[in-house]
Amino acid sequence: MYEAPKVEVIEVEVEKGFAVSGGTEDYNPQPW
């Protein structure tokens, strides 16, 4: 039952990671 929430969290982390690594203009909470 914990596998589903974990997958969702991982997806969110991946999106954040891509945004931070790629530095997209659409999503840039912390410009490095």
C-alpha atoms as a PDB file:
ATOM      1  CA  MET A   1       0.000   0.000   0.000  1.00  0.00           C
ATOM      2  CA  TYR A   2       3.001   2.289   0.478  1.00  0.00           C
ATOM      3  CA  GLU A   3       4.317   1.564  -3.008  1.00  0.00           C
ATOM      4  CA  ALA A   4       1.766   3.828  -4.725  1.00  0.00           C
ATOM      5  CA  PRO A   5       2.526   6.965  -2.643  1.00  0.00           C
ATOM      6  CA  LYS A   6       6.261   6.333  -2.995  1.00  0.00           C
ATOM      7  CA  VAL A   7       5.918   6.270  -6.780  1.00  0.00           C
ATOM      8  CA  GLU A   8       4.064   9.590  -6.725  1.00  0.00           C
ATOM      9  CA  VAL A   9       6.719  11.149  -4.496  1.00  0.00           C
ATOM     10  CA  ILE A  10       9.482   9.857  -6.778  1.00  0.00           C
ATOM     11  CA  GLU A  11       7.743  11.388  -9.799  1.00  0.00           C
ATOM     12  CA  VAL A  12       7.546  14.757  -8.029  1.00  0.00           C
ATOM     13  CA  GLU A  13      11.222  14.531  -7.041  1.00  0.00           C
ATOM     14  CA  VAL A  14      12.136  13.690 -10.636  1.00  0.00           C
ATOM     15  CA  GLU A  15      10.208  16.709 -11.914  1.00  0.00           C
ATOM     16  CA  LYS A  16      11.927  18.959  -9.367  1.00  0.00           C
ATOM     17  CA  GLY A  17      15.301  17.433 -10.221  1.00  0.00           C
ATOM     18  CA  PHE A  18      14.759  18.065 -13.925  1.00  0.00           C
ATOM     19  CA  ALA A  19      13.648  21.628 -13.235  1.00  0.00           C
ATOM     20  CA  VAL A  20      16.661  22.368 -11.024  1.00  0.00           C
ATOM     21  CA  SER A  21      19.146  20.580 -13.282  1.00  0.00           C
ATOM     22  CA  GLY A  22      17.720  21.913 -16.546  1.00  0.00           C
ATOM     23  CA  GLY A  23      16.812  25.302 -15.111  1.00  0.00           C
ATOM     24  CA  THR A  24      13.575  25.624 -17.066  1.00  0.00           C
ATOM     25  CA  GLU A  25      12.067  29.109 -17.207  1.00  0.00           C
ATOM     26  CA  ASP A  26       8.610  27.634 -16.596  1.00  0.00           C
ATOM     27  CA  TYR A  27       9.575  26.104 -13.238  1.00  0.00           C
ATOM     28  CA  ASN A  28      12.553  27.687 -11.472  1.00  0.00           C
ATOM     29  CA  PRO A  29      12.040  27.907  -7.687  1.00  0.00           C
ATOM     30  CA  GLN A  30      15.775  28.120  -6.904  1.00  0.00           C
ATOM     31  CA  PRO A  31      17.957  29.440  -9.742  1.00  0.00           C
ATOM     32  CA  TRP A  32      21.416  28.056  -9.070  1.00  0.00           C
END
